[in-house]
Amino acid sequence: MAMVEQKTKQKKGTGNLIKGLISGTFISERLILNNMRYVSLLFVIALIFITNRFQAERVEREIIKLEQEVRDMRAESLSVSAELGSVSRQSEVYDLVKERGLGLEELRTPPYRIVVNE
């Protein structure tokens, strides 16, 4: 008799399992409600991963933007440096002074040092 009851319980358990899977109560009651701590932990970890991914993508976009800005500034620096080198030549300075009519004259004699003995 005990053997028959055990087989009946196994069949009912199997029947309940299949019935629970089809209706969805097995998943909601047994897996989720009984393991609520683990489900909440998995949810928190998933949120952290999603947030981390968005943060990494934002930082990567900012890095790309800053690298482009550095390239642009480096090119601008080179062009300004080349322009300064060409404008600061003595012949260019002389032409600019003459063009603007500042009344300055080019020094014809080399500079000399005045030494005072006390």
N, C-alpha and C. Protein backbone atom coordinates (compact mmCIF):
# COMPACT_ATOMS: atom_id res chain seq x y z
N MET A 1 0.82 -1.19 0.00
CA MET A 1 0.00 0.00 0.00
C MET A 1 0.87 1.26 0.00
N ALA A 2 1.95 1.24 0.74
CA ALA A 2 2.83 2.40 0.82
C ALA A 2 3.48 2.67 -0.53
N MET A 3 3.73 1.60 -1.26
CA MET A 3 4.35 1.72 -2.57
C MET A 3 3.39 2.40 -3.54
N VAL A 4 2.14 2.08 -3.46
CA VAL A 4 1.13 2.66 -4.35
C VAL A 4 0.96 4.15 -4.04
N GLU A 5 0.97 4.50 -2.76
CA GLU A 5 0.83 5.91 -2.38
C GLU A 5 2.03 6.72 -2.84
N GLN A 6 3.22 6.12 -2.76
CA GLN A 6 4.43 6.83 -3.18
C GLN A 6 4.40 7.07 -4.69
N LYS A 7 3.97 6.09 -5.47
CA LYS A 7 3.88 6.26 -6.92
C LYS A 7 2.82 7.29 -7.27
N THR A 8 1.74 7.32 -6.52
CA THR A 8 0.69 8.30 -6.77
C THR A 8 1.19 9.71 -6.47
N LYS A 9 1.99 9.85 -5.39
CA LYS A 9 2.54 11.17 -5.06
C LYS A 9 3.54 11.63 -6.12
N GLN A 10 4.34 10.67 -6.65
CA GLN A 10 5.29 11.03 -7.69
C GLN A 10 4.55 11.48 -8.94
N LYS A 11 3.47 10.78 -9.30
CA LYS A 11 2.71 11.16 -10.48
C LYS A 11 2.04 12.51 -10.26
N LYS A 12 1.50 12.71 -9.06
CA LYS A 12 0.89 14.01 -8.76
C LYS A 12 1.94 15.11 -8.79
N GLY A 13 3.15 14.81 -8.25
CA GLY A 13 4.24 15.79 -8.26
C GLY A 13 4.66 16.12 -9.67
N THR A 14 4.76 15.11 -10.51
CA THR A 14 5.12 15.32 -11.91
C THR A 14 4.01 16.05 -12.63
N GLY A 15 2.80 15.67 -12.34
CA GLY A 15 1.66 16.35 -12.95
C GLY A 15 1.58 17.80 -12.51
N ASN A 16 1.85 18.04 -11.24
CA ASN A 16 1.86 19.41 -10.73
C ASN A 16 2.99 20.23 -11.36
N LEU A 17 4.14 19.58 -11.58
CA LEU A 17 5.27 20.26 -12.19
C LEU A 17 4.93 20.70 -13.62
N ILE A 18 4.38 19.79 -14.39
CA ILE A 18 4.02 20.12 -15.77
C ILE A 18 2.90 21.15 -15.79
N LYS A 19 1.92 20.95 -14.92
CA LYS A 19 0.82 21.91 -14.84
C LYS A 19 1.34 23.28 -14.40
N GLY A 20 2.27 23.31 -13.47
CA GLY A 20 2.87 24.56 -12.99
C GLY A 20 3.69 25.25 -14.07
N LEU A 21 4.42 24.46 -14.87
CA LEU A 21 5.20 25.05 -15.96
C LEU A 21 4.31 25.67 -17.01
N ILE A 22 3.23 24.98 -17.34
CA ILE A 22 2.31 25.49 -18.37
C ILE A 22 1.60 26.74 -17.88
N SER A 23 1.13 26.72 -16.66
CA SER A 23 0.38 27.87 -16.15
C SER A 23 1.28 29.02 -15.72
N GLY A 24 2.57 28.74 -15.47
CA GLY A 24 3.50 29.79 -15.07
C GLY A 24 3.63 29.93 -13.58
N THR A 25 2.86 29.19 -12.80
CA THR A 25 2.94 29.32 -11.35
C THR A 25 4.22 28.70 -10.81
N PHE A 26 4.76 27.70 -11.50
CA PHE A 26 6.01 27.07 -11.05
C PHE A 26 7.14 28.09 -11.05
N ILE A 27 7.21 28.84 -12.13
CA ILE A 27 8.28 29.83 -12.24
C ILE A 27 8.06 30.95 -11.24
N SER A 28 6.85 31.45 -11.16
CA SER A 28 6.61 32.60 -10.29
C SER A 28 6.67 32.22 -8.82
N GLU A 29 6.13 31.09 -8.44
CA GLU A 29 6.09 30.74 -7.02
C GLU A 29 7.37 30.08 -6.55
N ARG A 30 7.79 29.05 -7.24
CA ARG A 30 8.92 28.27 -6.74
C ARG A 30 10.26 28.93 -7.02
N LEU A 31 10.47 29.36 -8.23
CA LEU A 31 11.79 29.89 -8.57
C LEU A 31 11.99 31.33 -8.08
N ILE A 32 11.02 32.16 -8.29
CA ILE A 32 11.21 33.57 -7.97
C ILE A 32 10.94 33.87 -6.50
N LEU A 33 9.80 33.45 -6.01
CA LEU A 33 9.45 33.78 -4.63
C LEU A 33 10.34 33.09 -3.62
N ASN A 34 10.71 31.86 -3.87
CA ASN A 34 11.57 31.15 -2.93
C ASN A 34 13.02 31.64 -2.98
N ASN A 35 13.41 32.21 -4.08
CA ASN A 35 14.78 32.69 -4.25
C ASN A 35 14.81 34.20 -4.46
N MET A 36 14.02 34.92 -3.72
CA MET A 36 13.88 36.36 -3.91
C MET A 36 15.19 37.10 -3.68
N ARG A 37 15.99 36.65 -2.73
CA ARG A 37 17.28 37.30 -2.47
C ARG A 37 18.18 37.22 -3.69
N TYR A 38 18.24 36.03 -4.27
CA TYR A 38 19.11 35.84 -5.44
C TYR A 38 18.59 36.60 -6.66
N VAL A 39 17.29 36.63 -6.80
CA VAL A 39 16.69 37.37 -7.92
C VAL A 39 16.99 38.86 -7.77
N SER A 40 16.86 39.38 -6.56
CA SER A 40 17.15 40.80 -6.35
C SER A 40 18.64 41.08 -6.54
N LEU A 41 19.51 40.16 -6.14
CA LEU A 41 20.94 40.31 -6.35
C LEU A 41 21.26 40.34 -7.85
N LEU A 42 20.66 39.42 -8.60
CA LEU A 42 20.86 39.40 -10.04
C LEU A 42 20.35 40.68 -10.69
N PHE A 43 19.24 41.19 -10.20
CA PHE A 43 18.68 42.44 -10.72
C PHE A 43 19.63 43.62 -10.46
N VAL A 44 20.18 43.69 -9.27
CA VAL A 44 21.12 44.76 -8.92
C VAL A 44 22.39 44.65 -9.75
N ILE A 45 22.90 43.45 -9.92
CA ILE A 45 24.10 43.25 -10.73
C ILE A 45 23.83 43.63 -12.19
N ALA A 46 22.66 43.29 -12.71
CA ALA A 46 22.32 43.67 -14.08
C ALA A 46 22.25 45.18 -14.22
N LEU A 47 21.68 45.85 -13.23
CA LEU A 47 21.63 47.31 -13.27
C LEU A 47 23.04 47.92 -13.25
N ILE A 48 23.90 47.36 -12.43
CA ILE A 48 25.28 47.85 -12.36
C ILE A 48 25.98 47.65 -13.69
N PHE A 49 25.81 46.50 -14.32
CA PHE A 49 26.43 46.25 -15.62
C PHE A 49 25.92 47.21 -16.68
N ILE A 50 24.63 47.44 -16.71
CA ILE A 50 24.05 48.36 -17.70
C ILE A 50 24.56 49.77 -17.47
N THR A 51 24.57 50.21 -16.22
CA THR A 51 25.07 51.54 -15.90
C THR A 51 26.54 51.68 -16.27
N ASN A 52 27.32 50.66 -15.98
CA ASN A 52 28.74 50.67 -16.30
C ASN A 52 28.96 50.77 -17.80
N ARG A 53 28.17 50.06 -18.57
CA ARG A 53 28.32 50.11 -20.03
C ARG A 53 28.01 51.50 -20.56
N PHE A 54 26.91 52.10 -20.10
CA PHE A 54 26.57 53.45 -20.55
C PHE A 54 27.65 54.44 -20.15
N GLN A 55 28.18 54.30 -18.94
CA GLN A 55 29.24 55.19 -18.47
C GLN A 55 30.49 55.03 -19.35
N ALA A 56 30.86 53.80 -19.66
CA ALA A 56 32.05 53.55 -20.49
C ALA A 56 31.87 54.13 -21.89
N GLU A 57 30.68 53.98 -22.47
CA GLU A 57 30.43 54.55 -23.79
C GLU A 57 30.49 56.07 -23.76
N ARG A 58 29.98 56.69 -22.70
CA ARG A 58 30.02 58.15 -22.58
C ARG A 58 31.46 58.63 -22.47
N VAL A 59 32.26 57.93 -21.65
CA VAL A 59 33.66 58.30 -21.48
C VAL A 59 34.42 58.12 -22.79
N GLU A 60 34.11 57.05 -23.52
CA GLU A 60 34.78 56.81 -24.80
C GLU A 60 34.45 57.91 -25.81
N ARG A 61 33.19 58.33 -25.86
CA ARG A 61 32.82 59.44 -26.76
C ARG A 61 33.55 60.71 -26.37
N GLU A 62 33.66 60.97 -25.08
CA GLU A 62 34.36 62.17 -24.62
C GLU A 62 35.84 62.11 -24.96
N ILE A 63 36.45 60.93 -24.83
CA ILE A 63 37.87 60.76 -25.18
C ILE A 63 38.08 61.03 -26.66
N ILE A 64 37.21 60.51 -27.51
CA ILE A 64 37.32 60.73 -28.95
C ILE A 64 37.20 62.22 -29.27
N LYS A 65 36.25 62.88 -28.62
CA LYS A 65 36.06 64.32 -28.85
C LYS A 65 37.29 65.10 -28.41
N LEU A 66 37.86 64.77 -27.26
CA LEU A 66 39.04 65.48 -26.76
C LEU A 66 40.27 65.20 -27.63
N GLU A 67 40.41 63.97 -28.13
CA GLU A 67 41.53 63.66 -29.03
C GLU A 67 41.44 64.49 -30.30
N GLN A 68 40.24 64.64 -30.85
CA GLN A 68 40.05 65.46 -32.04
C GLN A 68 40.39 66.92 -31.74
N GLU A 69 39.98 67.39 -30.57
CA GLU A 69 40.27 68.76 -30.17
C GLU A 69 41.79 68.97 -30.02
N VAL A 70 42.49 67.99 -29.47
CA VAL A 70 43.95 68.08 -29.33
C VAL A 70 44.61 68.13 -30.70
N ARG A 71 44.14 67.29 -31.64
CA ARG A 71 44.70 67.32 -33.01
C ARG A 71 44.49 68.68 -33.65
N ASP A 72 43.29 69.24 -33.49
CA ASP A 72 43.01 70.55 -34.07
C ASP A 72 43.89 71.63 -33.45
N MET A 73 44.05 71.59 -32.13
CA MET A 73 44.87 72.60 -31.46
C MET A 73 46.35 72.46 -31.83
N ARG A 74 46.80 71.22 -32.01
CA ARG A 74 48.20 71.00 -32.40
C ARG A 74 48.43 71.58 -33.80
N ALA A 75 47.49 71.36 -34.71
CA ALA A 75 47.62 71.91 -36.06
C ALA A 75 47.59 73.43 -36.03
N GLU A 76 46.71 73.99 -35.21
CA GLU A 76 46.63 75.44 -35.08
C GLU A 76 47.93 76.00 -34.49
N SER A 77 48.49 75.30 -33.51
CA SER A 77 49.74 75.73 -32.89
C SER A 77 50.87 75.74 -33.91
N LEU A 78 50.94 74.72 -34.73
CA LEU A 78 51.98 74.67 -35.76
C LEU A 78 51.83 75.81 -36.76
N SER A 79 50.61 76.10 -37.17
CA SER A 79 50.40 77.17 -38.15
C SER A 79 50.71 78.53 -37.53
N VAL A 80 50.34 78.75 -36.26
CA VAL A 80 50.64 80.02 -35.60
C VAL A 80 52.14 80.17 -35.40
N SER A 81 52.82 79.08 -35.05
CA SER A 81 54.27 79.12 -34.86
C SER A 81 54.97 79.44 -36.18
N ALA A 82 54.52 78.84 -37.27
CA ALA A 82 55.12 79.12 -38.58
C ALA A 82 54.86 80.57 -38.99
N GLU A 83 53.66 81.06 -38.72
CA GLU A 83 53.33 82.45 -39.04
C GLU A 83 54.19 83.41 -38.22
N LEU A 84 54.36 83.12 -36.95
CA LEU A 84 55.20 83.96 -36.09
C LEU A 84 56.64 83.97 -36.58
N GLY A 85 57.14 82.81 -37.00
CA GLY A 85 58.51 82.74 -37.52
C GLY A 85 58.68 83.58 -38.77
N SER A 86 57.67 83.58 -39.63
CA SER A 86 57.79 84.36 -40.86
C SER A 86 57.61 85.85 -40.60
N VAL A 87 56.73 86.23 -39.68
CA VAL A 87 56.47 87.64 -39.40
C VAL A 87 57.62 88.27 -38.61
N SER A 88 58.32 87.50 -37.80
CA SER A 88 59.36 88.07 -36.94
C SER A 88 60.71 88.19 -37.64
N ARG A 89 60.80 87.83 -38.91
CA ARG A 89 62.05 88.05 -39.65
C ARG A 89 62.30 89.55 -39.79
N GLN A 90 63.58 89.89 -39.82
CA GLN A 90 63.94 91.32 -39.84
C GLN A 90 63.38 92.03 -41.07
N SER A 91 63.39 91.37 -42.20
CA SER A 91 62.89 92.02 -43.41
C SER A 91 61.38 92.26 -43.32
N GLU A 92 60.64 91.32 -42.73
CA GLU A 92 59.20 91.48 -42.56
C GLU A 92 58.89 92.61 -41.58
N VAL A 93 59.65 92.68 -40.49
CA VAL A 93 59.44 93.73 -39.50
C VAL A 93 59.71 95.10 -40.15
N TYR A 94 60.78 95.17 -40.92
CA TYR A 94 61.12 96.42 -41.61
C TYR A 94 60.00 96.83 -42.56
N ASP A 95 59.48 95.88 -43.33
CA ASP A 95 58.39 96.18 -44.27
C ASP A 95 57.13 96.63 -43.53
N LEU A 96 56.80 96.01 -42.39
CA LEU A 96 55.60 96.40 -41.63
C LEU A 96 55.75 97.80 -41.02
N VAL A 97 56.94 98.12 -40.53
CA VAL A 97 57.18 99.45 -39.95
C VAL A 97 57.07 100.51 -41.04
N LYS A 98 57.65 100.21 -42.19
CA LYS A 98 57.61 101.15 -43.32
C LYS A 98 56.17 101.33 -43.81
N GLU A 99 55.42 100.22 -43.89
CA GLU A 99 54.04 100.25 -44.38
C GLU A 99 53.12 101.06 -43.46
N ARG A 100 53.32 100.94 -42.17
CA ARG A 100 52.46 101.63 -41.20
C ARG A 100 52.92 103.06 -40.90
N GLY A 101 54.05 103.42 -41.40
CA GLY A 101 54.54 104.78 -41.24
C GLY A 101 54.83 105.15 -39.80
N LEU A 102 55.53 104.30 -39.09
CA LEU A 102 55.83 104.56 -37.68
C LEU A 102 57.01 105.51 -37.49
N GLY A 103 57.77 105.75 -38.55
CA GLY A 103 58.90 106.67 -38.46
C GLY A 103 60.12 106.07 -37.79
N LEU A 104 60.21 104.78 -37.70
CA LEU A 104 61.37 104.12 -37.12
C LEU A 104 62.38 103.83 -38.23
N GLU A 105 63.66 103.87 -37.86
CA GLU A 105 64.70 103.59 -38.84
C GLU A 105 65.48 102.37 -38.40
N GLU A 106 66.04 101.69 -39.40
CA GLU A 106 66.84 100.50 -39.13
C GLU A 106 68.20 100.94 -38.61
N LEU A 107 68.72 100.24 -37.64
CA LEU A 107 70.01 100.55 -37.05
C LEU A 107 71.11 100.14 -38.03
N ARG A 108 71.97 101.08 -38.39
CA ARG A 108 73.03 100.80 -39.37
C ARG A 108 74.33 100.37 -38.69
N THR A 109 74.54 100.76 -37.46
CA THR A 109 75.77 100.40 -36.74
C THR A 109 75.42 99.36 -35.68
N PRO A 110 76.34 98.48 -35.41
CA PRO A 110 76.05 97.47 -34.39
C PRO A 110 75.94 98.10 -33.00
N PRO A 111 75.21 97.50 -32.12
CA PRO A 111 75.08 98.04 -30.77
C PRO A 111 76.42 97.90 -30.03
N TYR A 112 76.65 98.77 -29.08
CA TYR A 112 77.87 98.71 -28.29
C TYR A 112 77.52 98.86 -26.82
N ARG A 113 78.43 98.40 -25.98
CA ARG A 113 78.22 98.39 -24.54
C ARG A 113 78.93 99.60 -23.92
N ILE A 114 78.22 100.24 -23.04
CA ILE A 114 78.80 101.37 -22.31
C ILE A 114 79.26 100.84 -20.95
N VAL A 115 80.51 101.01 -20.65
CA VAL A 115 81.07 100.53 -19.39
C VAL A 115 81.37 101.75 -18.53
N VAL A 116 80.85 101.74 -17.32
CA VAL A 116 81.07 102.84 -16.38
C VAL A 116 81.95 102.31 -15.26
N ASN A 117 83.07 102.97 -15.04
CA ASN A 117 83.98 102.60 -13.95
C ASN A 117 83.69 103.50 -12.76
N GLU A 118 83.39 102.93 -11.65
CA GLU A 118 83.05 103.75 -10.48
C GLU A 118 84.20 103.89 -9.54
